[in-house]
C-alpha atoms as a PDB file:
ATOM      1  CA  MET A   1    -177.852 112.556 106.158  1.00  0.00           C
ATOM      2  CA  ASP A   2    -176.686 110.287 108.965  1.00  0.00           C
ATOM      3  CA  TYR A   3    -174.186 112.508 110.794  1.00  0.00           C
ATOM      4  CA  ASN A   4    -173.195 109.672 113.120  1.00  0.00           C
ATOM      5  CA  ALA A   5    -172.187 107.436 110.205  1.00  0.00           C
ATOM      6  CA  VAL A   6    -170.331 110.270 108.461  1.00  0.00           C
ATOM      7  CA  MET A   7    -168.337 111.258 111.538  1.00  0.00           C
ATOM      8  CA  ASP A   8    -167.621 107.639 112.413  1.00  0.00           C
ATOM      9  CA  ALA A   9    -166.140 107.112 108.923  1.00  0.00           C
ATOM     10  CA  ILE A  10    -163.966 110.211 109.286  1.00  0.00           C
ATOM     11  CA  TYR A  11    -162.801 109.028 112.708  1.00  0.00           C
ATOM     12  CA  THR A  12    -161.984 105.480 111.622  1.00  0.00           C
ATOM     13  CA  GLN A  13    -160.594 106.009 108.094  1.00  0.00           C
ATOM     14  CA  GLY A  14    -160.168 109.752 107.644  1.00  0.00           C
ATOM     15  CA  TRP A  15    -162.565 110.104 104.703  1.00  0.00           C
ATOM     16  CA  VAL A  16    -166.148 109.478 103.626  1.00  0.00           C
ATOM     17  CA  ILE A  17    -168.199 109.645 100.412  1.00  0.00           C
ATOM     18  CA  VAL A  18    -171.844 110.708 100.726  1.00  0.00           C
ATOM     19  CA  ASP A  19    -173.891 110.063  97.603  1.00  0.00           C
ATOM     20  CA  ASP A  20    -177.124 112.035  97.130  1.00  0.00           C
ATOM     21  CA  PHE A  21    -176.058 114.659  99.662  1.00  0.00           C
ATOM     22  CA  LEU A  22    -178.316 116.902  97.580  1.00  0.00           C
ATOM     23  CA  SER A  23    -180.926 115.892  95.022  1.00  0.00           C
ATOM     24  CA  ALA A  24    -180.491 116.340  91.274  1.00  0.00           C
ATOM     25  CA  ALA A  25    -182.949 119.242  91.423  1.00  0.00           C
ATOM     26  CA  GLU A  26    -180.918 120.929  94.163  1.00  0.00           C
ATOM     27  CA  VAL A  27    -177.759 120.420  92.113  1.00  0.00           C
ATOM     28  CA  ASP A  28    -179.431 122.131  89.165  1.00  0.00           C
ATOM     29  CA  LEU A  29    -180.368 125.079  91.385  1.00  0.00           C
ATOM     30  CA  LEU A  30    -176.750 125.420  92.474  1.00  0.00           C
ATOM     31  CA  ARG A  31    -175.543 125.233  88.879  1.00  0.00           C
ATOM     32  CA  ALA A  32    -177.901 128.083  88.053  1.00  0.00           C
ATOM     33  CA  CYS A  33    -175.865 130.172  90.519  1.00  0.00           C
ATOM     34  CA  LEU A  34    -172.585 129.636  88.676  1.00  0.00           C
ATOM     35  CA  PRO A  35    -170.974 133.016  88.010  1.00  0.00           C
ATOM     36  CA  ASP A  36    -170.167 134.656  84.707  1.00  0.00           C
ATOM     37  CA  GLU A  37    -166.753 135.778  85.934  1.00  0.00           C
ATOM     38  CA  TRP A  38    -164.002 133.326  86.905  1.00  0.00           C
ATOM     39  CA  GLN A  39    -160.389 133.699  87.980  1.00  0.00           C
ATOM     40  CA  GLN A  40    -157.556 131.380  87.103  1.00  0.00           C
ATOM     41  CA  ALA A  41    -156.690 129.229  90.107  1.00  0.00           C
ATOM     42  CA  GLY A  42    -153.202 129.331  91.534  1.00  0.00           C
ATOM     43  CA  ILE A  43    -151.077 127.576  94.116  1.00  0.00           C
ATOM     44  CA  GLY A  44    -149.714 128.775  97.458  1.00  0.00           C
ATOM     45  CA  ARG A  45    -151.270 131.023 100.078  1.00  0.00           C
ATOM     46  CA  GLU A  46    -151.296 134.787 100.487  1.00  0.00           C
ATOM     47  CA  GLY A  47    -147.954 136.329  99.446  1.00  0.00           C
ATOM     48  CA  GLN A  48    -146.764 133.073  97.878  1.00  0.00           C
ATOM     49  CA  HIS A  49    -149.878 132.641  95.713  1.00  0.00           C
ATOM     50  CA  GLN A  50    -149.072 132.266  92.014  1.00  0.00           C
ATOM     51  CA  GLY A  51    -150.452 130.730  88.866  1.00  0.00           C
ATOM     52  CA  ASN A  52    -148.830 127.558  87.534  1.00  0.00           C
ATOM     53  CA  PRO A  53    -150.591 125.868  84.593  1.00  0.00           C
ATOM     54  CA  GLU A  54    -148.253 122.896  84.865  1.00  0.00           C
ATOM     55  CA  ILE A  55    -149.813 122.092  88.260  1.00  0.00           C
ATOM     56  CA  ARG A  56    -153.419 123.270  87.975  1.00  0.00           C
ATOM     57  CA  ARG A  57    -155.578 124.703  85.226  1.00  0.00           C
ATOM     58  CA  ASP A  58    -158.995 125.045  86.839  1.00  0.00           C
ATOM     59  CA  GLN A  59    -160.836 128.312  87.378  1.00  0.00           C
ATOM     60  CA  ILE A  60    -162.517 129.373  90.608  1.00  0.00           C
ATOM     61  CA  HIS A  61    -165.023 131.791  92.111  1.00  0.00           C
ATOM     62  CA  TRP A  62    -165.215 132.155  95.889  1.00  0.00           C
ATOM     63  CA  LEU A  63    -168.648 131.673  97.422  1.00  0.00           C
ATOM     64  CA  ASP A  64    -170.324 134.648  99.037  1.00  0.00           C
ATOM     65  CA  GLY A  65    -173.766 135.801 100.074  1.00  0.00           C
ATOM     66  CA  GLU A  66    -174.494 137.422  96.717  1.00  0.00           C
ATOM     67  CA  LEU A  67    -174.652 134.218  94.660  1.00  0.00           C
ATOM     68  CA  GLY A  68    -178.247 133.327  95.492  1.00  0.00           C
ATOM     69  CA  ALA A  69    -180.467 131.363  97.881  1.00  0.00           C
ATOM     70  CA  PRO A  70    -179.250 127.888  96.763  1.00  0.00           C
ATOM     71  CA  VAL A  71    -175.678 128.862  97.689  1.00  0.00           C
ATOM     72  CA  ALA A  72    -176.875 130.181 101.049  1.00  0.00           C
ATOM     73  CA  ALA A  73    -178.719 126.895 101.642  1.00  0.00           C
ATOM     74  CA  TYR A  74    -175.591 124.907 100.758  1.00  0.00           C
ATOM     75  CA  LEU A  75    -173.497 126.958 103.166  1.00  0.00           C
ATOM     76  CA  ALA A  76    -176.099 126.336 105.869  1.00  0.00           C
ATOM     77  CA  ARG A  77    -175.720 122.589 105.288  1.00  0.00           C
ATOM     78  CA  MET A  78    -171.965 122.973 105.659  1.00  0.00           C
ATOM     79  CA  GLU A  79    -172.504 124.844 108.912  1.00  0.00           C
ATOM     80  CA  SER A  80    -174.534 121.890 110.203  1.00  0.00           C
ATOM     81  CA  LEU A  81    -171.640 119.608 109.247  1.00  0.00           C
ATOM     82  CA  ARG A  82    -169.190 121.858 111.060  1.00  0.00           C
ATOM     83  CA  ILE A  83    -171.268 121.732 114.235  1.00  0.00           C
ATOM     84  CA  ALA A  84    -171.609 117.940 113.997  1.00  0.00           C
ATOM     85  CA  ALA A  85    -167.856 117.490 113.480  1.00  0.00           C
ATOM     86  CA  ASN A  86    -167.097 119.639 116.496  1.00  0.00           C
ATOM     87  CA  ARG A  87    -169.635 117.826 118.664  1.00  0.00           C
ATOM     88  CA  MET A  88    -168.678 114.279 117.668  1.00  0.00           C
ATOM     89  CA  LEU A  89    -164.972 114.592 116.796  1.00  0.00           C
ATOM     90  CA  MET A  90    -163.958 117.651 118.860  1.00  0.00           C
ATOM     91  CA  LEU A  91    -162.136 119.112 115.858  1.00  0.00           C
ATOM     92  CA  GLY A  92    -162.446 122.726 116.994  1.00  0.00           C
ATOM     93  CA  LEU A  93    -163.545 123.879 113.538  1.00  0.00           C
ATOM     94  CA  PHE A  94    -163.999 127.634 113.502  1.00  0.00           C
ATOM     95  CA  ASP A  95    -165.310 128.452 110.016  1.00  0.00           C
ATOM     96  CA  TYR A  96    -165.711 127.286 106.418  1.00  0.00           C
ATOM     97  CA  GLU A  97    -164.425 128.713 103.135  1.00  0.00           C
ATOM     98  CA  ALA A  98    -165.388 127.452  99.678  1.00  0.00           C
ATOM     99  CA  HIS A  99    -165.330 128.240  95.985  1.00  0.00           C
ATOM    100  CA  PHE A 100    -166.921 127.045  92.790  1.00  0.00           C
ATOM    101  CA  ALA A 101    -164.399 125.256  90.581  1.00  0.00           C
ATOM    102  CA  ARG A 102    -164.649 124.916  86.806  1.00  0.00           C
ATOM    103  CA  TYR A 103    -162.583 122.419  84.831  1.00  0.00           C
ATOM    104  CA  ARG A 104    -162.819 122.837  81.081  1.00  0.00           C
ATOM    105  CA  PRO A 105    -161.909 119.924  78.788  1.00  0.00           C
ATOM    106  CA  GLY A 106    -158.243 119.124  79.347  1.00  0.00           C
ATOM    107  CA  ASP A 107    -158.008 120.919  82.698  1.00  0.00           C
ATOM    108  CA  PHE A 108    -156.459 119.089  85.646  1.00  0.00           C
ATOM    109  CA  TYR A 109    -154.925 119.607  89.088  1.00  0.00           C
ATOM    110  CA  ALA A 110    -151.719 117.685  89.819  1.00  0.00           C
ATOM    111  CA  THR A 111    -151.139 115.759  93.045  1.00  0.00           C
ATOM    112  CA  HIS A 112    -151.113 117.980  96.142  1.00  0.00           C
ATOM    113  CA  ARG A 113    -152.193 118.191  99.763  1.00  0.00           C
ATOM    114  CA  ASP A 114    -154.677 120.756 100.998  1.00  0.00           C
ATOM    115  CA  ALA A 115    -152.685 121.244 104.213  1.00  0.00           C
ATOM    116  CA  PHE A 116    -149.399 120.218 105.762  1.00  0.00           C
ATOM    117  CA  ALA A 117    -149.164 119.086 109.369  1.00  0.00           C
ATOM    118  CA  GLY A 118    -148.819 122.064 111.702  1.00  0.00           C
ATOM    119  CA  ARG A 119    -148.581 124.590 108.866  1.00  0.00           C
ATOM    120  CA  SER A 120    -152.199 125.278 107.945  1.00  0.00           C
ATOM    121  CA  ASN A 121    -155.522 125.960 109.641  1.00  0.00           C
ATOM    122  CA  ARG A 122    -157.390 123.724 107.185  1.00  0.00           C
ATOM    123  CA  ARG A 123    -158.516 120.525 108.898  1.00  0.00           C
ATOM    124  CA  LEU A 124    -161.350 118.972 106.870  1.00  0.00           C
ATOM    125  CA  THR A 125    -161.735 119.209 103.083  1.00  0.00           C
ATOM    126  CA  SER A 126    -165.082 118.994 101.294  1.00  0.00           C
ATOM    127  CA  VAL A 127    -165.755 118.501  97.590  1.00  0.00           C
ATOM    128  CA  PHE A 128    -169.315 118.593  96.265  1.00  0.00           C
ATOM    129  CA  TYR A 129    -170.054 117.777  92.630  1.00  0.00           C
ATOM    130  CA  LEU A 130    -172.466 119.628  90.338  1.00  0.00           C
ATOM    131  CA  ASN A 131    -172.405 117.278  87.323  1.00  0.00           C
ATOM    132  CA  ASN A 132    -175.731 115.525  86.833  1.00  0.00           C
ATOM    133  CA  GLY A 133    -175.475 112.802  84.203  1.00  0.00           C
ATOM    134  CA  TRP A 134    -171.684 112.518  84.417  1.00  0.00           C
ATOM    135  CA  GLN A 135    -170.368 109.439  82.583  1.00  0.00           C
ATOM    136  CA  PRO A 136    -167.182 107.420  83.221  1.00  0.00           C
ATOM    137  CA  ASP A 137    -165.773 108.428  79.836  1.00  0.00           C
ATOM    138  CA  ASP A 138    -166.061 112.098  80.839  1.00  0.00           C
ATOM    139  CA  GLY A 139    -162.921 111.753  82.994  1.00  0.00           C
ATOM    140  CA  GLY A 140    -162.223 114.345  85.662  1.00  0.00           C
ATOM    141  CA  VAL A 141    -162.010 111.846  88.526  1.00  0.00           C
ATOM    142  CA  LEU A 142    -160.635 112.756  91.932  1.00  0.00           C
ATOM    143  CA  ARG A 143    -157.723 110.389  92.570  1.00  0.00           C
ATOM    144  CA  VAL A 144    -156.897 110.042  96.253  1.00  0.00           C
ATOM    145  CA  TYR A 145    -153.735 108.634  97.836  1.00  0.00           C
ATOM    146  CA  ASP A 146    -153.101 107.545 101.396  1.00  0.00           C
ATOM    147  CA  ASP A 147    -150.620 109.266 103.680  1.00  0.00           C
ATOM    148  CA  SER A 148    -147.852 107.052 102.237  1.00  0.00           C
ATOM    149  CA  GLU A 149    -148.820 108.291  98.750  1.00  0.00           C
ATOM    150  CA  GLN A 150    -150.158 104.902  97.668  1.00  0.00           C
ATOM    151  CA  HIS A 151    -153.252 104.952  95.440  1.00  0.00           C
ATOM    152  CA  LEU A 152    -156.366 104.707  97.597  1.00  0.00           C
ATOM    153  CA  MET A 153    -159.373 105.344  95.329  1.00  0.00           C
ATOM    154  CA  ASP A 154    -160.808 107.148  92.310  1.00  0.00           C
ATOM    155  CA  VAL A 155    -163.963 109.209  92.841  1.00  0.00           C
ATOM    156  CA  SER A 156    -166.178 110.078  89.892  1.00  0.00           C
ATOM    157  CA  PRO A 157    -167.487 113.680  90.043  1.00  0.00           C
ATOM    158  CA  LYS A 158    -171.156 112.775  89.660  1.00  0.00           C
ATOM    159  CA  GLY A 159    -173.807 115.266  90.676  1.00  0.00           C
ATOM    160  CA  GLY A 160    -174.992 115.239  94.288  1.00  0.00           C
ATOM    161  CA  ARG A 161    -171.910 113.458  95.657  1.00  0.00           C
ATOM    162  CA  LEU A 162    -170.051 114.908  98.632  1.00  0.00           C
ATOM    163  CA  VAL A 163    -166.511 113.858  99.578  1.00  0.00           C
ATOM    164  CA  LEU A 164    -164.987 114.709 102.968  1.00  0.00           C
ATOM    165  CA  PHE A 165    -161.429 113.939 104.070  1.00  0.00           C
ATOM    166  CA  LEU A 166    -158.856 115.136 106.589  1.00  0.00           C
ATOM    167  CA  SER A 167    -156.914 117.860 104.814  1.00  0.00           C
ATOM    168  CA  GLU A 168    -153.473 116.939 106.137  1.00  0.00           C
ATOM    169  CA  GLU A 169    -153.700 113.212 105.522  1.00  0.00           C
ATOM    170  CA  PHE A 170    -154.573 112.591 101.872  1.00  0.00           C
ATOM    171  CA  PRO A 171    -152.655 113.734  98.779  1.00  0.00           C
ATOM    172  CA  HIS A 172    -154.986 113.905  95.786  1.00  0.00           C
ATOM    173  CA  GLU A 173    -155.273 115.072  92.197  1.00  0.00           C
ATOM    174  CA  VAL A 174    -157.948 115.802  89.607  1.00  0.00           C
ATOM    175  CA  LEU A 175    -157.388 113.953  86.347  1.00  0.00           C
ATOM    176  CA  ALA A 176    -158.082 115.739  83.074  1.00  0.00           C
ATOM    177  CA  ALA A 177    -161.746 116.228  82.307  1.00  0.00           C
ATOM    178  CA  ARG A 178    -163.224 115.610  78.848  1.00  0.00           C
ATOM    179  CA  GLN A 179    -166.369 117.607  79.548  1.00  0.00           C
ATOM    180  CA  GLU A 180    -166.853 120.824  81.467  1.00  0.00           C
ATOM    181  CA  ARG A 181    -166.817 119.831  85.147  1.00  0.00           C
ATOM    182  CA  TYR A 182    -168.097 121.827  88.126  1.00  0.00           C
ATOM    183  CA  SER A 183    -167.694 121.386  91.859  1.00  0.00           C
ATOM    184  CA  ILE A 184    -167.666 123.264  95.139  1.00  0.00           C
ATOM    185  CA  ALA A 185    -164.352 122.837  96.955  1.00  0.00           C
ATOM    186  CA  GLY A 186    -164.282 123.865 100.599  1.00  0.00           C
ATOM    187  CA  TRP A 187    -162.290 123.680 103.807  1.00  0.00           C
ATOM    188  CA  PHE A 188    -163.370 123.635 107.422  1.00  0.00           C
ATOM    189  CA  ARG A 189    -160.758 125.568 109.368  1.00  0.00           C
ATOM    190  CA  VAL A 190    -159.560 126.063 112.903  1.00  0.00           C
ATOM    191  CA  ASN A 191    -158.751 129.499 114.269  1.00  0.00           C
ATOM    192  CA  GLY A 192    -155.072 130.063 113.439  1.00  0.00           C
ATOM    193  CA  THR A 193    -153.077 126.898 114.052  1.00  0.00           C
ATOM    194  CA  ALA A 194    -154.967 125.852 117.182  1.00  0.00           C
ATOM    195  CA  PRO A 195    -155.271 122.112 117.956  1.00  0.00           C
ATOM    196  CA  GLY A 196    -158.073 120.358 116.144  1.00  0.00           C
ATOM    197  CA  ARG A 197    -157.133 117.058 114.592  1.00  0.00           C
ATOM    198  CA  VAL A 198    -158.302 113.471 114.381  1.00  0.00           C
ATOM    199  CA  ASP A 199    -155.566 110.913 113.726  1.00  0.00           C
ATOM    200  CA  PRO A 200    -156.938 108.093 111.551  1.00  0.00           C
ATOM    201  CA  PRO A 201    -155.390 104.636 111.510  1.00  0.00           C
ATOM    202  CA  ARG A 202    -152.289 104.452 109.270  1.00  0.00           C
END
C-alpha cells in the first residue's frame, strides 16, 4: 500500500478508499476467524450505552488476541497505518480498537457520526470489508455525507476494500443488507481528548 498516497488523501479530503488492501485469500482467512458468539450492538458510550433497534441492528464481536493469526496480522497492518498517520499527519494516535460487525438481511445502521468535535478520543475511522463476491443487488452500502450532511458517496462493501475517514467530519449510515454482510470496524484514538486532528477543506 502506498502510505504517502493514503495520507495525502486524508489530508486533502478527509477520506480515502483503498481497494485490495488485502487479497481475497487473506479475506477468507479473516472470515474463518469469525466468532460463534455475537452481541447486539448498541449506541452511546460507557454508562450511556444502550440498544436501539430503530437506529442500528448489527451484531458485533470485539477483536482480541484469541481470534487467530489472521486477526493478529490484520491488527499489525493497522499498527503500521497508525505509525504512518502519526509520522505524516501528526495526528497523535495512541491506539486502535476494532470489532467484527455482522449485518443479517434487513439489518442497518442509521445516520450517525463516530465522534463529535472535542467530545471523543476517536480521530480516524476504518472499515474493512470481508465480503468476497459481493454484488450491487446485495445492498448494505456505506452511505457517507459531508460535514454539511450532504450526500458524498456510496461505498459497496466488497471484500478486500478498506475505507478510512476522519471520525468527526463525516456522518454516515449502513443501508439495509440483503445478504449476510461482514466487516471490521475500527477507530484510531488519541489518549484522552488530547489534540490530534487534521482539518480537511470544507
